[in-house]
Amino acid sequence: MSDIKNLFDQNKVWAKNNTDHDPDYFTRLSNQQVPEYLWIGCSDSRVPANQIVNLAPGEVFVHRNIANVVEHTDLNCLSVIQFAVEVLKVKHIIVCGHYGCGGVKAALHNSEHSSECREVSFIDNWLVHIEDVKRFHKDKFIGLNHDQKLKLLCELNVIEQVKNVCKSSIISKAWNNGSKLSVHGWIYDINNGLIKDLKKKVSSNNDIIQKLDSV
């Protein structure tokens, strides 16, 4: 119970620090959120969206799940994307994975040991989406050691999820209606705190073919 109480104590310190620095901080924050960015990232506790890009609360709309997967049957994720695009009018959607991702690592292990007899869990059903990414690009993994495979799969998973975002009916409709919206694929390195741009910026339905379908 003391650990939980500590969180309340820390909250009071945080709130006081903000108001001491800026007395109108919470009044201004409570009036409206007008973020330009939707961040789709991993649930990993070491990858906090706002802190990584040094933006304050209210400047980034965030959706996180295991291994930053965008699945077309995931109503939670699709609802976040729709709200961000149609209500908040964000200008950028960022899919950001990270090297050493535990979800990607588990999917890589599963794909390499698929013949083993083991109990299948809920998370295995989720990770099959990442296993599919490795299967789609199986030739690229030939001759790589485990660390190289993991790094590559982390990157390819981001690109695949960018593709899933772009091919959703929500984004297609937005672009058809003339929305100035871009989708980006980034990856974060926990070892040095830096973001790498995977150079997969997509800003129209035509860009999907040119920048993603050839990957």
N, C-alpha and C. Protein backbone atom coordinates (compact mmCIF):
# COMPACT_ATOMS: atom_id res chain seq x y z
N MET A 1 0.83 -1.21 0.00
CA MET A 1 0.00 0.00 0.00
C MET A 1 0.87 1.25 0.00
N SER A 2 2.04 1.20 0.66
CA SER A 2 2.91 2.36 0.73
C SER A 2 3.42 2.76 -0.66
N ASP A 3 3.64 1.77 -1.54
CA ASP A 3 4.10 2.07 -2.88
C ASP A 3 3.06 2.87 -3.65
N ILE A 4 1.78 2.51 -3.47
CA ILE A 4 0.70 3.23 -4.14
C ILE A 4 0.58 4.64 -3.58
N LYS A 5 0.68 4.77 -2.26
CA LYS A 5 0.60 6.09 -1.63
C LYS A 5 1.71 6.99 -2.16
N ASN A 6 2.85 6.42 -2.42
CA ASN A 6 3.97 7.19 -2.94
C ASN A 6 3.63 7.84 -4.28
N LEU A 7 2.81 7.16 -5.08
CA LEU A 7 2.41 7.73 -6.37
C LEU A 7 1.56 8.98 -6.17
N PHE A 8 0.68 8.97 -5.18
CA PHE A 8 -0.13 10.15 -4.87
C PHE A 8 0.76 11.31 -4.39
N ASP A 9 1.76 10.98 -3.57
CA ASP A 9 2.69 12.00 -3.09
C ASP A 9 3.47 12.61 -4.25
N GLN A 10 3.91 11.75 -5.15
CA GLN A 10 4.66 12.23 -6.31
C GLN A 10 3.78 13.08 -7.22
N ASN A 11 2.50 12.71 -7.31
CA ASN A 11 1.56 13.50 -8.12
C ASN A 11 1.42 14.91 -7.57
N LYS A 12 1.34 15.04 -6.24
CA LYS A 12 1.22 16.36 -5.63
C LYS A 12 2.46 17.21 -5.90
N VAL A 13 3.62 16.59 -5.83
CA VAL A 13 4.86 17.30 -6.11
C VAL A 13 4.90 17.76 -7.57
N TRP A 14 4.51 16.86 -8.46
CA TRP A 14 4.50 17.18 -9.89
C TRP A 14 3.54 18.33 -10.19
N ALA A 15 2.32 18.27 -9.64
CA ALA A 15 1.32 19.32 -9.86
C ALA A 15 1.81 20.65 -9.31
N LYS A 16 2.40 20.63 -8.13
CA LYS A 16 2.89 21.87 -7.52
C LYS A 16 4.04 22.46 -8.34
N ASN A 17 4.95 21.61 -8.81
CA ASN A 17 6.07 22.09 -9.61
C ASN A 17 5.58 22.79 -10.88
N ASN A 18 4.54 22.23 -11.49
CA ASN A 18 4.01 22.83 -12.70
C ASN A 18 3.35 24.18 -12.43
N THR A 19 2.57 24.25 -11.37
CA THR A 19 1.88 25.51 -11.07
C THR A 19 2.84 26.57 -10.52
N ASP A 20 3.90 26.14 -9.83
CA ASP A 20 4.90 27.10 -9.37
C ASP A 20 5.60 27.73 -10.56
N HIS A 21 5.86 26.93 -11.56
CA HIS A 21 6.54 27.43 -12.76
C HIS A 21 5.60 28.23 -13.65
N ASP A 22 4.33 27.78 -13.71
CA ASP A 22 3.34 28.42 -14.59
C ASP A 22 1.97 28.30 -13.92
N PRO A 23 1.51 29.34 -13.21
CA PRO A 23 0.25 29.27 -12.46
C PRO A 23 -0.97 28.91 -13.31
N ASP A 24 -0.93 29.21 -14.61
CA ASP A 24 -2.07 28.92 -15.48
C ASP A 24 -1.94 27.59 -16.22
N TYR A 25 -0.96 26.79 -15.85
CA TYR A 25 -0.64 25.58 -16.60
C TYR A 25 -1.86 24.66 -16.75
N PHE A 26 -2.48 24.29 -15.66
CA PHE A 26 -3.59 23.33 -15.72
C PHE A 26 -4.87 23.97 -16.25
N THR A 27 -5.05 25.26 -16.00
CA THR A 27 -6.22 25.95 -16.56
C THR A 27 -6.15 25.93 -18.08
N ARG A 28 -4.98 26.25 -18.60
CA ARG A 28 -4.79 26.25 -20.05
C ARG A 28 -4.91 24.84 -20.64
N LEU A 29 -4.34 23.87 -19.94
CA LEU A 29 -4.34 22.49 -20.42
C LEU A 29 -5.76 21.91 -20.43
N SER A 30 -6.58 22.33 -19.48
CA SER A 30 -7.92 21.77 -19.35
C SER A 30 -8.89 22.31 -20.39
N ASN A 31 -8.56 23.44 -20.98
CA ASN A 31 -9.50 24.06 -21.92
C ASN A 31 -9.64 23.29 -23.23
N GLN A 32 -8.54 22.80 -23.78
CA GLN A 32 -8.61 22.16 -25.09
C GLN A 32 -7.31 21.41 -25.37
N GLN A 33 -7.42 20.28 -26.07
CA GLN A 33 -6.22 19.63 -26.58
C GLN A 33 -6.20 19.83 -28.10
N VAL A 34 -5.08 20.34 -28.58
CA VAL A 34 -4.96 20.59 -30.03
C VAL A 34 -3.63 20.01 -30.54
N PRO A 35 -3.43 18.72 -30.37
CA PRO A 35 -2.17 18.12 -30.83
C PRO A 35 -2.10 18.04 -32.35
N GLU A 36 -0.91 18.17 -32.86
CA GLU A 36 -0.68 17.99 -34.30
C GLU A 36 -0.24 16.57 -34.62
N TYR A 37 0.02 15.78 -33.56
CA TYR A 37 0.62 14.47 -33.77
C TYR A 37 -0.19 13.36 -33.09
N LEU A 38 -0.35 12.27 -33.81
CA LEU A 38 -0.81 11.00 -33.21
C LEU A 38 0.38 10.07 -33.17
N TRP A 39 0.69 9.57 -32.00
CA TRP A 39 1.81 8.66 -31.79
C TRP A 39 1.26 7.26 -31.56
N ILE A 40 1.62 6.33 -32.40
CA ILE A 40 1.26 4.92 -32.21
C ILE A 40 2.54 4.19 -31.84
N GLY A 41 2.64 3.80 -30.58
CA GLY A 41 3.89 3.23 -30.09
C GLY A 41 3.70 1.98 -29.29
N CYS A 42 4.80 1.49 -28.74
CA CYS A 42 4.80 0.27 -27.95
C CYS A 42 4.47 0.59 -26.49
N SER A 43 3.86 -0.37 -25.81
CA SER A 43 3.50 -0.19 -24.40
C SER A 43 4.71 -0.23 -23.47
N ASP A 44 5.87 -0.58 -23.99
CA ASP A 44 7.08 -0.66 -23.17
C ASP A 44 7.24 0.60 -22.32
N SER A 45 7.45 0.41 -21.02
CA SER A 45 7.51 1.53 -20.08
C SER A 45 8.73 2.42 -20.31
N ARG A 46 9.69 1.95 -21.10
CA ARG A 46 10.90 2.73 -21.37
C ARG A 46 10.75 3.64 -22.58
N VAL A 47 9.55 3.64 -23.19
CA VAL A 47 9.36 4.39 -24.44
C VAL A 47 8.18 5.35 -24.30
N PRO A 48 8.32 6.38 -23.45
CA PRO A 48 7.23 7.35 -23.25
C PRO A 48 7.21 8.39 -24.37
N ALA A 49 6.10 8.52 -25.04
CA ALA A 49 6.03 9.33 -26.25
C ALA A 49 6.41 10.79 -26.01
N ASN A 50 5.74 11.46 -25.07
CA ASN A 50 5.99 12.89 -24.87
C ASN A 50 7.45 13.20 -24.53
N GLN A 51 8.02 12.38 -23.64
CA GLN A 51 9.38 12.66 -23.19
C GLN A 51 10.40 12.49 -24.32
N ILE A 52 10.18 11.48 -25.16
CA ILE A 52 11.14 11.19 -26.23
C ILE A 52 11.28 12.37 -27.19
N VAL A 53 10.16 13.01 -27.50
CA VAL A 53 10.20 14.13 -28.44
C VAL A 53 10.13 15.48 -27.71
N ASN A 54 10.22 15.43 -26.38
CA ASN A 54 10.30 16.63 -25.54
C ASN A 54 9.13 17.58 -25.79
N LEU A 55 7.92 17.02 -25.78
CA LEU A 55 6.71 17.82 -25.93
C LEU A 55 5.87 17.72 -24.66
N ALA A 56 5.14 18.77 -24.38
CA ALA A 56 4.33 18.83 -23.16
C ALA A 56 3.02 18.06 -23.32
N PRO A 57 2.34 17.73 -22.20
CA PRO A 57 1.01 17.13 -22.29
C PRO A 57 0.09 18.02 -23.12
N GLY A 58 -0.73 17.39 -23.95
CA GLY A 58 -1.63 18.13 -24.82
C GLY A 58 -1.10 18.30 -26.23
N GLU A 59 0.19 17.98 -26.44
CA GLU A 59 0.78 18.19 -27.76
C GLU A 59 0.90 16.90 -28.57
N VAL A 60 0.69 15.76 -27.92
CA VAL A 60 0.76 14.47 -28.63
C VAL A 60 -0.41 13.60 -28.18
N PHE A 61 -1.18 13.13 -29.14
CA PHE A 61 -2.26 12.18 -28.87
C PHE A 61 -1.64 10.79 -29.02
N VAL A 62 -1.87 9.90 -28.05
CA VAL A 62 -1.07 8.67 -27.97
C VAL A 62 -1.93 7.42 -27.94
N HIS A 63 -1.51 6.43 -28.72
CA HIS A 63 -2.06 5.07 -28.62
C HIS A 63 -0.87 4.12 -28.51
N ARG A 64 -0.93 3.24 -27.50
CA ARG A 64 0.18 2.29 -27.31
C ARG A 64 -0.36 0.89 -27.11
N ASN A 65 0.35 -0.07 -27.67
CA ASN A 65 0.04 -1.48 -27.43
C ASN A 65 1.32 -2.29 -27.58
N ILE A 66 1.24 -3.57 -27.35
CA ILE A 66 2.43 -4.41 -27.44
C ILE A 66 2.95 -4.42 -28.88
N ALA A 67 4.17 -3.93 -29.04
CA ALA A 67 4.89 -3.95 -30.33
C ALA A 67 4.26 -3.06 -31.39
N ASN A 68 3.55 -2.00 -30.95
CA ASN A 68 3.01 -0.96 -31.86
C ASN A 68 2.35 -1.54 -33.11
N VAL A 69 1.44 -2.46 -32.89
CA VAL A 69 0.74 -3.13 -33.99
C VAL A 69 -0.53 -2.35 -34.36
N VAL A 70 -0.77 -2.21 -35.66
CA VAL A 70 -2.02 -1.62 -36.16
C VAL A 70 -2.74 -2.71 -36.93
N GLU A 71 -3.79 -3.25 -36.31
CA GLU A 71 -4.53 -4.38 -36.89
C GLU A 71 -5.93 -3.90 -37.27
N HIS A 72 -6.37 -4.27 -38.45
CA HIS A 72 -7.63 -3.73 -38.98
C HIS A 72 -8.88 -4.25 -38.27
N THR A 73 -8.72 -5.17 -37.35
CA THR A 73 -9.86 -5.61 -36.54
C THR A 73 -9.78 -5.05 -35.12
N ASP A 74 -8.77 -4.23 -34.85
CA ASP A 74 -8.59 -3.66 -33.51
C ASP A 74 -9.39 -2.36 -33.43
N LEU A 75 -10.60 -2.44 -32.88
CA LEU A 75 -11.48 -1.28 -32.84
C LEU A 75 -10.93 -0.18 -31.94
N ASN A 76 -10.17 -0.55 -30.94
CA ASN A 76 -9.55 0.45 -30.07
C ASN A 76 -8.60 1.33 -30.88
N CYS A 77 -7.68 0.71 -31.58
CA CYS A 77 -6.70 1.45 -32.37
C CYS A 77 -7.38 2.27 -33.47
N LEU A 78 -8.33 1.66 -34.17
CA LEU A 78 -9.03 2.36 -35.26
C LEU A 78 -9.82 3.55 -34.74
N SER A 79 -10.41 3.41 -33.56
CA SER A 79 -11.15 4.52 -32.96
C SER A 79 -10.23 5.68 -32.62
N VAL A 80 -9.05 5.36 -32.12
CA VAL A 80 -8.07 6.40 -31.81
C VAL A 80 -7.65 7.13 -33.09
N ILE A 81 -7.37 6.37 -34.15
CA ILE A 81 -6.97 6.97 -35.42
C ILE A 81 -8.09 7.86 -35.96
N GLN A 82 -9.32 7.36 -35.92
CA GLN A 82 -10.44 8.15 -36.44
C GLN A 82 -10.63 9.44 -35.65
N PHE A 83 -10.57 9.35 -34.33
CA PHE A 83 -10.74 10.54 -33.49
C PHE A 83 -9.62 11.54 -33.77
N ALA A 84 -8.39 11.04 -33.89
CA ALA A 84 -7.25 11.91 -34.13
C ALA A 84 -7.37 12.64 -35.46
N VAL A 85 -7.81 11.91 -36.49
CA VAL A 85 -7.86 12.47 -37.84
C VAL A 85 -9.09 13.35 -38.04
N GLU A 86 -10.25 12.86 -37.61
CA GLU A 86 -11.50 13.55 -37.95
C GLU A 86 -11.91 14.61 -36.92
N VAL A 87 -11.50 14.44 -35.67
CA VAL A 87 -11.89 15.40 -34.63
C VAL A 87 -10.73 16.33 -34.28
N LEU A 88 -9.59 15.74 -33.96
CA LEU A 88 -8.44 16.57 -33.56
C LEU A 88 -7.71 17.18 -34.75
N LYS A 89 -7.92 16.62 -35.94
CA LYS A 89 -7.31 17.14 -37.17
C LYS A 89 -5.77 17.14 -37.09
N VAL A 90 -5.21 16.03 -36.60
CA VAL A 90 -3.76 15.95 -36.52
C VAL A 90 -3.15 16.04 -37.91
N LYS A 91 -1.91 16.51 -37.96
CA LYS A 91 -1.21 16.65 -39.24
C LYS A 91 -0.25 15.49 -39.51
N HIS A 92 0.11 14.78 -38.44
CA HIS A 92 1.09 13.71 -38.57
C HIS A 92 0.69 12.51 -37.72
N ILE A 93 0.81 11.32 -38.29
CA ILE A 93 0.67 10.08 -37.54
C ILE A 93 2.04 9.41 -37.54
N ILE A 94 2.55 9.15 -36.35
CA ILE A 94 3.88 8.56 -36.21
C ILE A 94 3.75 7.15 -35.63
N VAL A 95 4.18 6.16 -36.39
CA VAL A 95 4.29 4.80 -35.86
C VAL A 95 5.73 4.66 -35.40
N CYS A 96 5.94 4.48 -34.11
CA CYS A 96 7.29 4.42 -33.56
C CYS A 96 7.51 3.11 -32.81
N GLY A 97 8.37 2.28 -33.36
CA GLY A 97 8.78 1.07 -32.66
C GLY A 97 10.08 1.34 -31.91
N HIS A 98 10.67 0.30 -31.38
CA HIS A 98 11.97 0.48 -30.71
C HIS A 98 12.78 -0.80 -30.81
N TYR A 99 14.09 -0.61 -30.88
CA TYR A 99 14.99 -1.76 -30.92
C TYR A 99 14.92 -2.53 -29.60
N GLY A 100 15.08 -3.84 -29.70
CA GLY A 100 15.02 -4.67 -28.51
C GLY A 100 13.62 -4.89 -27.99
N CYS A 101 12.61 -4.64 -28.81
CA CYS A 101 11.21 -4.77 -28.39
C CYS A 101 10.90 -6.20 -27.94
N GLY A 102 10.37 -6.33 -26.74
CA GLY A 102 10.07 -7.65 -26.20
C GLY A 102 9.01 -8.39 -27.01
N GLY A 103 8.02 -7.65 -27.52
CA GLY A 103 6.99 -8.28 -28.33
C GLY A 103 7.55 -8.82 -29.63
N VAL A 104 8.41 -8.03 -30.28
CA VAL A 104 9.04 -8.48 -31.52
C VAL A 104 9.96 -9.66 -31.25
N LYS A 105 10.68 -9.60 -30.13
CA LYS A 105 11.58 -10.69 -29.76
C LYS A 105 10.79 -11.99 -29.55
N ALA A 106 9.64 -11.90 -28.88
CA ALA A 106 8.81 -13.08 -28.66
C ALA A 106 8.26 -13.62 -29.97
N ALA A 107 7.86 -12.72 -30.88
CA ALA A 107 7.35 -13.15 -32.18
C ALA A 107 8.44 -13.83 -32.99
N LEU A 108 9.66 -13.31 -32.92
CA LEU A 108 10.79 -13.93 -33.61
C LEU A 108 11.06 -15.32 -33.06
N HIS A 109 11.00 -15.46 -31.74
CA HIS A 109 11.20 -16.77 -31.11
C HIS A 109 10.10 -17.73 -31.53
N ASN A 110 8.86 -17.25 -31.53
CA ASN A 110 7.74 -18.11 -31.93
C ASN A 110 7.89 -18.61 -33.35
N SER A 111 8.30 -17.72 -34.26
CA SER A 111 8.41 -18.09 -35.67
C SER A 111 9.54 -19.09 -35.89
N GLU A 112 10.55 -19.04 -35.04
CA GLU A 112 11.69 -19.95 -35.18
C GLU A 112 11.46 -21.27 -34.44
N HIS A 113 10.43 -21.31 -33.60
CA HIS A 113 10.15 -22.53 -32.83
C HIS A 113 8.67 -22.91 -32.95
N SER A 114 8.11 -22.68 -34.14
CA SER A 114 6.67 -22.88 -34.32
C SER A 114 6.26 -24.34 -34.21
N SER A 115 7.20 -25.27 -34.38
CA SER A 115 6.85 -26.69 -34.31
C SER A 115 6.83 -27.22 -32.88
N GLU A 116 7.31 -26.43 -31.94
CA GLU A 116 7.33 -26.88 -30.55
C GLU A 116 5.91 -26.95 -29.99
N CYS A 117 5.66 -27.95 -29.18
CA CYS A 117 4.35 -28.08 -28.55
C CYS A 117 4.32 -27.20 -27.30
N ARG A 118 3.48 -26.18 -27.30
CA ARG A 118 3.40 -25.29 -26.16
C ARG A 118 1.99 -24.71 -26.09
N GLU A 119 1.65 -24.25 -24.92
CA GLU A 119 0.33 -23.65 -24.72
C GLU A 119 0.29 -22.27 -25.37
N VAL A 120 -0.75 -22.00 -26.13
CA VAL A 120 -0.91 -20.72 -26.81
C VAL A 120 -1.67 -19.76 -25.90
N SER A 121 -1.16 -18.54 -25.74
CA SER A 121 -1.77 -17.54 -24.86
C SER A 121 -2.39 -16.43 -25.70
N PHE A 122 -3.06 -15.51 -25.01
CA PHE A 122 -3.63 -14.35 -25.70
C PHE A 122 -2.56 -13.56 -26.43
N ILE A 123 -1.41 -13.43 -25.79
CA ILE A 123 -0.36 -12.63 -26.42
C ILE A 123 0.16 -13.30 -27.70
N ASP A 124 0.13 -14.63 -27.74
CA ASP A 124 0.54 -15.33 -28.96
C ASP A 124 -0.38 -14.97 -30.12
N ASN A 125 -1.66 -14.83 -29.83
CA ASN A 125 -2.62 -14.44 -30.87
C ASN A 125 -2.31 -13.04 -31.39
N TRP A 126 -1.83 -12.18 -30.51
CA TRP A 126 -1.46 -10.82 -30.90
C TRP A 126 -0.16 -10.81 -31.72
N LEU A 127 0.81 -11.61 -31.25
CA LEU A 127 2.12 -11.61 -31.87
C LEU A 127 2.14 -12.25 -33.25
N VAL A 128 1.10 -13.00 -33.59
CA VAL A 128 1.06 -13.63 -34.91
C VAL A 128 1.12 -12.58 -36.01
N HIS A 129 0.66 -11.35 -35.73
CA HIS A 129 0.74 -10.28 -36.72
C HIS A 129 2.20 -9.95 -37.04
N ILE A 130 3.06 -10.02 -36.03
CA ILE A 130 4.48 -9.74 -36.24
C ILE A 130 5.17 -10.94 -36.87
N GLU A 131 4.75 -12.14 -36.50
CA GLU A 131 5.28 -13.33 -37.15
C GLU A 131 5.00 -13.30 -38.64
N ASP A 132 3.84 -12.77 -39.01
CA ASP A 132 3.50 -12.64 -40.42
C ASP A 132 4.47 -11.70 -41.13
N VAL A 133 4.90 -10.64 -40.43
CA VAL A 133 5.85 -9.70 -41.04
C VAL A 133 7.13 -10.44 -41.39
N LYS A 134 7.63 -11.28 -40.49
CA LYS A 134 8.85 -12.04 -40.78
C LYS A 134 8.61 -12.99 -41.95
N ARG A 135 7.43 -13.59 -42.00
CA ARG A 135 7.13 -14.52 -43.09
C ARG A 135 7.07 -13.79 -44.43
N PHE A 136 6.51 -12.57 -44.44
CA PHE A 136 6.43 -11.79 -45.67
C PHE A 136 7.82 -11.47 -46.23
N HIS A 137 8.80 -11.33 -45.31
CA HIS A 137 10.14 -10.89 -45.70
C HIS A 137 11.20 -11.95 -45.39
N LYS A 138 10.83 -13.21 -45.45
CA LYS A 138 11.71 -14.29 -44.97
C LYS A 138 13.08 -14.29 -45.65
N ASP A 139 13.14 -13.89 -46.93
CA ASP A 139 14.42 -13.92 -47.64
C ASP A 139 15.43 -12.92 -47.07
N LYS A 140 14.93 -11.85 -46.43
CA LYS A 140 15.81 -10.82 -45.89
C LYS A 140 16.53 -11.28 -44.62
N PHE A 141 16.06 -12.37 -44.02
CA PHE A 141 16.63 -12.84 -42.76
C PHE A 141 17.69 -13.92 -42.95
N ILE A 142 17.85 -14.36 -44.19
CA ILE A 142 18.82 -15.43 -44.47
C ILE A 142 20.23 -14.95 -44.16
N GLY A 143 20.97 -15.73 -43.39
CA GLY A 143 22.36 -15.43 -43.08
C GLY A 143 22.58 -14.47 -41.93
N LEU A 144 21.51 -13.97 -41.31
CA LEU A 144 21.66 -13.03 -40.21
C LEU A 144 21.73 -13.76 -38.87
N ASN A 145 22.48 -13.20 -37.92
CA ASN A 145 22.47 -13.76 -36.58
C ASN A 145 21.22 -13.26 -35.84
N HIS A 146 21.04 -13.73 -34.61
CA HIS A 146 19.80 -13.43 -33.89
C HIS A 146 19.63 -11.92 -33.66
N ASP A 147 20.69 -11.24 -33.25
CA ASP A 147 20.58 -9.81 -32.98
C ASP A 147 20.24 -9.02 -34.24
N GLN A 148 20.83 -9.43 -35.35
CA GLN A 148 20.55 -8.77 -36.63
C GLN A 148 19.10 -9.03 -37.06
N LYS A 149 18.63 -10.24 -36.84
CA LYS A 149 17.24 -10.57 -37.18
C LYS A 149 16.28 -9.73 -36.35
N LEU A 150 16.58 -9.60 -35.05
CA LEU A 150 15.70 -8.84 -34.17
C LEU A 150 15.65 -7.37 -34.58
N LYS A 151 16.80 -6.79 -34.88
CA LYS A 151 16.84 -5.39 -35.30
C LYS A 151 16.06 -5.19 -36.60
N LEU A 152 16.26 -6.09 -37.54
CA LEU A 152 15.57 -5.98 -38.83
C LEU A 152 14.07 -6.14 -38.65
N LEU A 153 13.65 -7.10 -37.83
CA LEU A 153 12.22 -7.33 -37.65
C LEU A 153 11.56 -6.14 -36.94
N CYS A 154 12.28 -5.51 -36.02
CA CYS A 154 11.74 -4.30 -35.37
C CYS A 154 11.47 -3.23 -36.42
N GLU A 155 12.38 -3.06 -37.36
CA GLU A 155 12.21 -2.04 -38.41
C GLU A 155 11.10 -2.43 -39.38
N LEU A 156 11.11 -3.67 -39.83
CA LEU A 156 10.09 -4.11 -40.78
C LEU A 156 8.70 -4.08 -40.18
N ASN A 157 8.61 -4.35 -38.88
CA ASN A 157 7.31 -4.30 -38.22
C ASN A 157 6.76 -2.88 -38.23
N VAL A 158 7.62 -1.88 -38.00
CA VAL A 158 7.17 -0.49 -38.08
C VAL A 158 6.64 -0.17 -39.47
N ILE A 159 7.40 -0.56 -40.50
CA ILE A 159 6.99 -0.27 -41.88
C ILE A 159 5.67 -0.95 -42.21
N GLU A 160 5.49 -2.17 -41.73
CA GLU A 160 4.23 -2.88 -41.98
C GLU A 160 3.06 -2.18 -41.30
N GLN A 161 3.29 -1.67 -40.11
CA GLN A 161 2.21 -0.98 -39.40
C GLN A 161 1.91 0.39 -40.03
N VAL A 162 2.92 1.04 -40.57
CA VAL A 162 2.69 2.27 -41.35
C VAL A 162 1.78 1.94 -42.53
N LYS A 163 2.08 0.83 -43.19
CA LYS A 163 1.25 0.40 -44.32
C LYS A 163 -0.19 0.13 -43.88
N ASN A 164 -0.35 -0.49 -42.73
CA ASN A 164 -1.70 -0.78 -42.23
C ASN A 164 -2.47 0.50 -41.91
N VAL A 165 -1.77 1.49 -41.35
CA VAL A 165 -2.40 2.78 -41.09
C VAL A 165 -2.86 3.40 -42.40
N CYS A 166 -1.96 3.44 -43.37
CA CYS A 166 -2.24 4.11 -44.64
C CYS A 166 -3.36 3.43 -45.42
N LYS A 167 -3.48 2.12 -45.27
CA LYS A 167 -4.49 1.38 -46.04
C LYS A 167 -5.82 1.27 -45.30
N SER A 168 -5.91 1.89 -44.14
CA SER A 168 -7.19 1.90 -43.43
C SER A 168 -8.17 2.81 -44.16
N SER A 169 -9.44 2.51 -44.04
CA SER A 169 -10.46 3.32 -44.71
C SER A 169 -10.47 4.75 -44.17
N ILE A 170 -10.08 4.91 -42.91
CA ILE A 170 -10.06 6.24 -42.28
C ILE A 170 -9.07 7.16 -42.98
N ILE A 171 -7.86 6.66 -43.19
CA ILE A 171 -6.82 7.48 -43.80
C ILE A 171 -7.07 7.66 -45.29
N SER A 172 -7.51 6.61 -45.94
CA SER A 172 -7.83 6.71 -47.37
C SER A 172 -8.89 7.78 -47.61
N LYS A 173 -9.92 7.78 -46.77
CA LYS A 173 -10.98 8.77 -46.89
C LYS A 173 -10.44 10.18 -46.65
N ALA A 174 -9.59 10.32 -45.65
CA ALA A 174 -9.03 11.64 -45.33
C ALA A 174 -8.24 12.18 -46.52
N TRP A 175 -7.40 11.34 -47.11
CA TRP A 175 -6.61 11.79 -48.26
C TRP A 175 -7.50 12.10 -49.46
N ASN A 176 -8.52 11.29 -49.68
CA ASN A 176 -9.45 11.56 -50.79
C ASN A 176 -10.18 12.88 -50.60
N ASN A 177 -10.34 13.28 -49.34
CA ASN A 177 -11.01 14.55 -49.04
C ASN A 177 -10.04 15.73 -48.98
N GLY A 178 -8.78 15.48 -49.34
CA GLY A 178 -7.80 16.55 -49.41
C GLY A 178 -7.06 16.86 -48.14
N SER A 179 -7.11 15.97 -47.16
CA SER A 179 -6.43 16.21 -45.89
C SER A 179 -4.92 16.27 -46.07
N LYS A 180 -4.28 17.27 -45.44
CA LYS A 180 -2.82 17.40 -45.45
C LYS A 180 -2.26 16.60 -44.27
N LEU A 181 -2.25 15.32 -44.44
CA LEU A 181 -1.88 14.38 -43.38
C LEU A 181 -0.73 13.50 -43.84
N SER A 182 0.27 13.34 -42.99
CA SER A 182 1.40 12.47 -43.31
C SER A 182 1.54 11.38 -42.26
N VAL A 183 1.94 10.21 -42.72
CA VAL A 183 2.19 9.07 -41.83
C VAL A 183 3.69 8.75 -41.89
N HIS A 184 4.29 8.54 -40.72
CA HIS A 184 5.74 8.35 -40.63
C HIS A 184 6.07 7.04 -39.92
N GLY A 185 7.19 6.47 -40.25
CA GLY A 185 7.71 5.31 -39.56
C GLY A 185 9.04 5.62 -38.90
N TRP A 186 9.07 5.54 -37.59
CA TRP A 186 10.28 5.83 -36.81
C TRP A 186 10.62 4.63 -35.93
N ILE A 187 11.88 4.61 -35.49
CA ILE A 187 12.27 3.60 -34.50
C ILE A 187 13.20 4.24 -33.48
N TYR A 188 12.99 3.86 -32.24
CA TYR A 188 13.69 4.47 -31.11
C TYR A 188 14.73 3.51 -30.56
N ASP A 189 15.91 4.05 -30.27
CA ASP A 189 16.99 3.25 -29.71
C ASP A 189 17.10 3.52 -28.22
N ILE A 190 16.71 2.56 -27.41
CA ILE A 190 16.74 2.73 -25.96
C ILE A 190 18.17 2.93 -25.46
N ASN A 191 19.15 2.43 -26.19
CA ASN A 191 20.54 2.51 -25.74
C ASN A 191 21.12 3.92 -25.78
N ASN A 192 20.57 4.78 -26.66
CA ASN A 192 21.12 6.13 -26.73
C ASN A 192 20.05 7.23 -26.70
N GLY A 193 18.76 6.83 -26.67
CA GLY A 193 17.68 7.80 -26.58
C GLY A 193 17.34 8.50 -27.87
N LEU A 194 17.88 8.03 -29.00
CA LEU A 194 17.68 8.72 -30.27
C LEU A 194 16.67 8.00 -31.16
N ILE A 195 15.96 8.79 -31.96
CA ILE A 195 14.98 8.28 -32.91
C ILE A 195 15.62 8.20 -34.29
N LYS A 196 15.33 7.14 -35.01
CA LYS A 196 15.76 6.97 -36.40
C LYS A 196 14.54 7.04 -37.30
N ASP A 197 14.61 7.89 -38.31
CA ASP A 197 13.55 7.99 -39.32
C ASP A 197 13.77 6.89 -40.36
N LEU A 198 12.80 6.01 -40.53
CA LEU A 198 12.93 4.91 -41.50
C LEU A 198 12.61 5.35 -42.92
N LYS A 199 12.40 6.64 -43.12
CA LYS A 199 12.23 7.23 -44.46
C LYS A 199 11.05 6.63 -45.21
N LYS A 200 9.94 6.49 -44.51
CA LYS A 200 8.73 5.94 -45.12
C LYS A 200 7.56 6.91 -44.97
N LYS A 201 7.83 8.19 -45.09
CA LYS A 201 6.77 9.19 -45.00
C LYS A 201 5.78 9.02 -46.14
N VAL A 202 4.50 8.94 -45.79
CA VAL A 202 3.44 8.75 -46.78
C VAL A 202 2.41 9.86 -46.60
N SER A 203 2.11 10.56 -47.69
CA SER A 203 1.21 11.72 -47.60
C SER A 203 0.03 11.66 -48.55
N SER A 204 -0.13 10.53 -49.24
CA SER A 204 -1.25 10.38 -50.17
C SER A 204 -1.45 8.91 -50.48
N ASN A 205 -2.59 8.58 -51.07
CA ASN A 205 -2.83 7.19 -51.47
C ASN A 205 -1.82 6.74 -52.51
N ASN A 206 -1.37 7.64 -53.37
CA ASN A 206 -0.39 7.29 -54.39
C ASN A 206 0.96 6.93 -53.79
N ASP A 207 1.29 7.56 -52.67
CA ASP A 207 2.57 7.29 -52.00
C ASP A 207 2.66 5.85 -51.50
N ILE A 208 1.54 5.23 -51.21
CA ILE A 208 1.55 3.87 -50.67
C ILE A 208 2.24 2.93 -51.64
N ILE A 209 1.90 3.03 -52.91
CA ILE A 209 2.48 2.15 -53.92
C ILE A 209 3.97 2.44 -54.08
N GLN A 210 4.33 3.72 -54.12
CA GLN A 210 5.70 4.10 -54.38
C GLN A 210 6.64 3.81 -53.20
N LYS A 211 6.15 4.00 -51.97
CA LYS A 211 7.05 3.94 -50.82
C LYS A 211 6.88 2.71 -49.93
N LEU A 212 5.75 2.02 -50.05
CA LEU A 212 5.48 0.92 -49.12
C LEU A 212 5.29 -0.42 -49.78
N ASP A 213 4.55 -0.47 -50.87
CA ASP A 213 4.22 -1.76 -51.46
C ASP A 213 5.45 -2.49 -52.03
N SER A 214 6.51 -1.75 -52.27
CA SER A 214 7.73 -2.36 -52.80
C SER A 214 8.64 -2.90 -51.71
N VAL A 215 8.31 -2.62 -50.46
CA VAL A 215 9.16 -3.04 -49.34
C VAL A 215 9.03 -4.53 -49.09
